[in-house]
Every structure is written in C-alpha cells, then in structure tokens.
Amino acid sequence: DIVSFDASSYLDKVLLYPGEIREFFSRGGSLAWGIVPTTAFTGNETADNLVDELEVGIHRLVDSGIDRTIILRQSLITPSCGLGSLTPSQAEAILELTRQVSDKMQRETKTRGQGD
C-alpha cells in the first residue's frame, strides 16, 4: 500500500499521526511525499530548499521513534497533486525538480550510509 500526500502544503497535518505512520510502515506500507508544489509552484523552488522541508518531516518522525532507515526505504518523492491542470512546460519543470529532490536525497542517504 502507498499513501500519497501533499507534503508541500499538509506535512504538519500528516505528522500529527506518528503512531499510525509507524504501524503503516510495520505492515510494509510506503509514503509518497508530495514535496514538490504544483498549483503553488513559483519556479523559485530548489531541490535544496525542498530537501530541507522533507528533512524536517523525516526528523519529526524519527523523533517519534520511527527508524530513519525504515522511513527512507519506504518513501517515494513525488509532486503534490494537480499536475494535470498545468501547462506542459510547468509540469516538465515540476517533474525535473522532483527528480532533483529524489537524486539529492539518494546521494545524502548513501553518504550517511542509510537506506541501502
């Protein structure tokens, strides 16, 4: 199972349920973090600032007792919902930024020796 959520707008709301997230992970579930904004996309977003936002959420889950390695192994990086209502060039820019965020997270994870 995968739960996809708009992490760019509602990360704080999802983080209100660490126990449920822990249980979901224990059943093999994955989170699709929609960290790249779509309808609120300005073009000024960077992979660095989005990774920083994502790390805030990950740290909060770790602080609640969920192992960081589990979080990373059972997570996907996605755009927030709403790509279909955008122009092709906007959608391409958002998908490229999503790839950059994912690549950066993978590099940082390997550097730390986590998520192998």
Protein backbone atom coordinates (compact mmCIF):
# COMPACT_ATOMS: atom_id res chain seq x y z
CA ASP A 1 0.00 0.00 0.00
CA ILE A 2 1.07 3.57 -0.70
CA VAL A 3 -0.31 6.68 0.95
CA SER A 4 0.33 9.73 -1.20
CA PHE A 5 0.03 13.12 0.46
CA ASP A 6 0.66 16.76 -0.33
CA ALA A 7 3.73 17.31 1.82
CA SER A 8 4.27 20.78 0.39
CA SER A 9 1.01 22.01 1.96
CA TYR A 10 -0.03 19.49 4.62
CA LEU A 11 3.14 17.97 6.07
CA ASP A 12 2.34 19.33 9.53
CA LYS A 13 -1.08 17.65 9.48
CA VAL A 14 0.26 14.22 8.48
CA LEU A 15 2.91 14.42 11.20
CA LEU A 16 0.15 14.55 13.81
CA TYR A 17 -0.18 10.75 13.38
CA PRO A 18 3.24 9.20 14.06
CA GLY A 19 1.75 6.10 15.70
CA GLU A 20 -0.41 5.38 12.68
CA ILE A 21 2.54 6.00 10.35
CA ARG A 22 4.72 3.62 12.39
CA GLU A 23 2.01 0.93 12.19
CA PHE A 24 1.58 1.54 8.45
CA PHE A 25 5.32 1.12 7.90
CA SER A 26 5.33 -2.06 10.01
CA ARG A 27 2.77 -3.55 7.59
CA GLY A 28 5.06 -2.73 4.65
CA GLY A 29 3.32 0.46 3.59
CA SER A 30 5.06 3.33 1.83
CA LEU A 31 4.62 7.09 1.94
CA ALA A 32 4.68 9.14 -1.25
CA TRP A 33 5.82 12.57 -0.09
CA GLY A 34 4.34 15.16 -2.47
CA ILE A 35 7.01 17.66 -1.50
CA VAL A 36 7.26 19.47 -4.85
CA PRO A 37 4.44 22.02 -5.11
CA THR A 38 2.26 22.07 -8.21
CA THR A 39 -0.52 24.65 -8.03
CA ALA A 40 1.63 26.78 -5.69
CA PHE A 41 4.72 26.30 -7.91
CA THR A 42 6.56 29.60 -8.44
CA GLY A 43 9.66 28.40 -10.26
CA ASN A 44 11.80 29.71 -7.40
CA GLU A 45 11.81 26.38 -5.57
CA THR A 46 15.10 24.50 -5.41
CA ALA A 47 15.98 20.92 -4.65
CA ASP A 48 17.95 22.17 -1.65
CA ASN A 49 15.05 24.00 0.00
CA LEU A 50 12.62 21.16 -0.72
CA VAL A 51 15.02 18.59 0.73
CA ASP A 52 15.30 20.80 3.81
CA GLU A 53 11.49 20.74 4.15
CA LEU A 54 11.44 16.99 3.67
CA GLU A 55 14.15 16.52 6.30
CA VAL A 56 12.03 18.44 8.82
CA GLY A 57 9.29 15.84 8.36
CA ILE A 58 11.69 12.92 8.49
CA HIS A 59 13.31 14.25 11.68
CA ARG A 60 9.92 14.64 13.33
CA LEU A 61 9.08 11.02 12.53
CA VAL A 62 12.49 9.88 13.81
CA ASP A 63 11.90 11.88 17.00
CA SER A 64 8.62 10.00 17.43
CA GLY A 65 10.50 6.69 17.40
CA ILE A 66 10.41 5.60 13.75
CA ASP A 67 13.75 4.38 12.42
CA ARG A 68 15.18 6.72 9.77
CA THR A 69 16.25 3.79 7.60
CA ILE A 70 12.68 2.46 7.51
CA ILE A 71 11.34 5.90 6.62
CA LEU A 72 13.81 6.26 3.76
CA ARG A 73 13.33 2.73 2.42
CA GLN A 74 9.55 3.07 2.43
CA SER A 75 9.27 6.54 0.94
CA LEU A 76 8.88 7.98 -2.54
CA ILE A 77 9.35 11.58 -3.68
CA THR A 78 6.51 12.95 -5.80
CA PRO A 79 4.97 16.22 -6.86
CA SER A 80 1.94 17.29 -4.88
CA CYS A 81 -1.33 16.63 -6.70
CA GLY A 82 -2.54 18.76 -9.60
CA LEU A 83 -0.06 18.24 -12.45
CA GLY A 84 -2.89 17.65 -14.91
CA SER A 85 -4.12 21.22 -14.63
CA LEU A 86 -0.76 22.77 -15.53
CA THR A 87 0.84 23.60 -18.85
CA PRO A 88 3.22 21.02 -20.26
CA SER A 89 6.22 23.28 -19.57
CA GLN A 90 5.14 23.79 -15.94
CA ALA A 91 4.62 20.06 -15.49
CA GLU A 92 8.03 19.31 -17.00
CA ALA A 93 9.71 21.81 -14.66
CA ILE A 94 7.98 20.25 -11.65
CA LEU A 95 8.90 16.71 -12.70
CA GLU A 96 12.52 17.77 -13.24
CA LEU A 97 12.58 19.33 -9.77
CA THR A 98 11.07 16.13 -8.36
CA ARG A 99 13.91 14.15 -9.95
CA GLN A 100 16.46 16.56 -8.47
CA VAL A 101 14.97 16.23 -4.98
CA SER A 102 14.97 12.44 -5.27
CA ASP A 103 18.56 12.37 -6.54
CA LYS A 104 19.72 14.65 -3.73
CA MET A 105 18.00 12.53 -1.08
CA GLN A 106 19.56 9.38 -2.53
CA ARG A 107 23.05 10.93 -2.54
CA GLU A 108 22.69 12.20 1.03
CA THR A 109 21.35 8.85 2.18
CA LYS A 110 24.28 6.97 0.65
CA THR A 111 26.72 9.48 2.17
CA ARG A 112 25.24 8.80 5.61
CA GLY A 113 25.25 5.05 4.97
CA GLN A 114 21.48 4.71 5.32
CA GLY A 115 18.77 3.32 3.11
CA ASP A 116 20.97 0.80 1.29
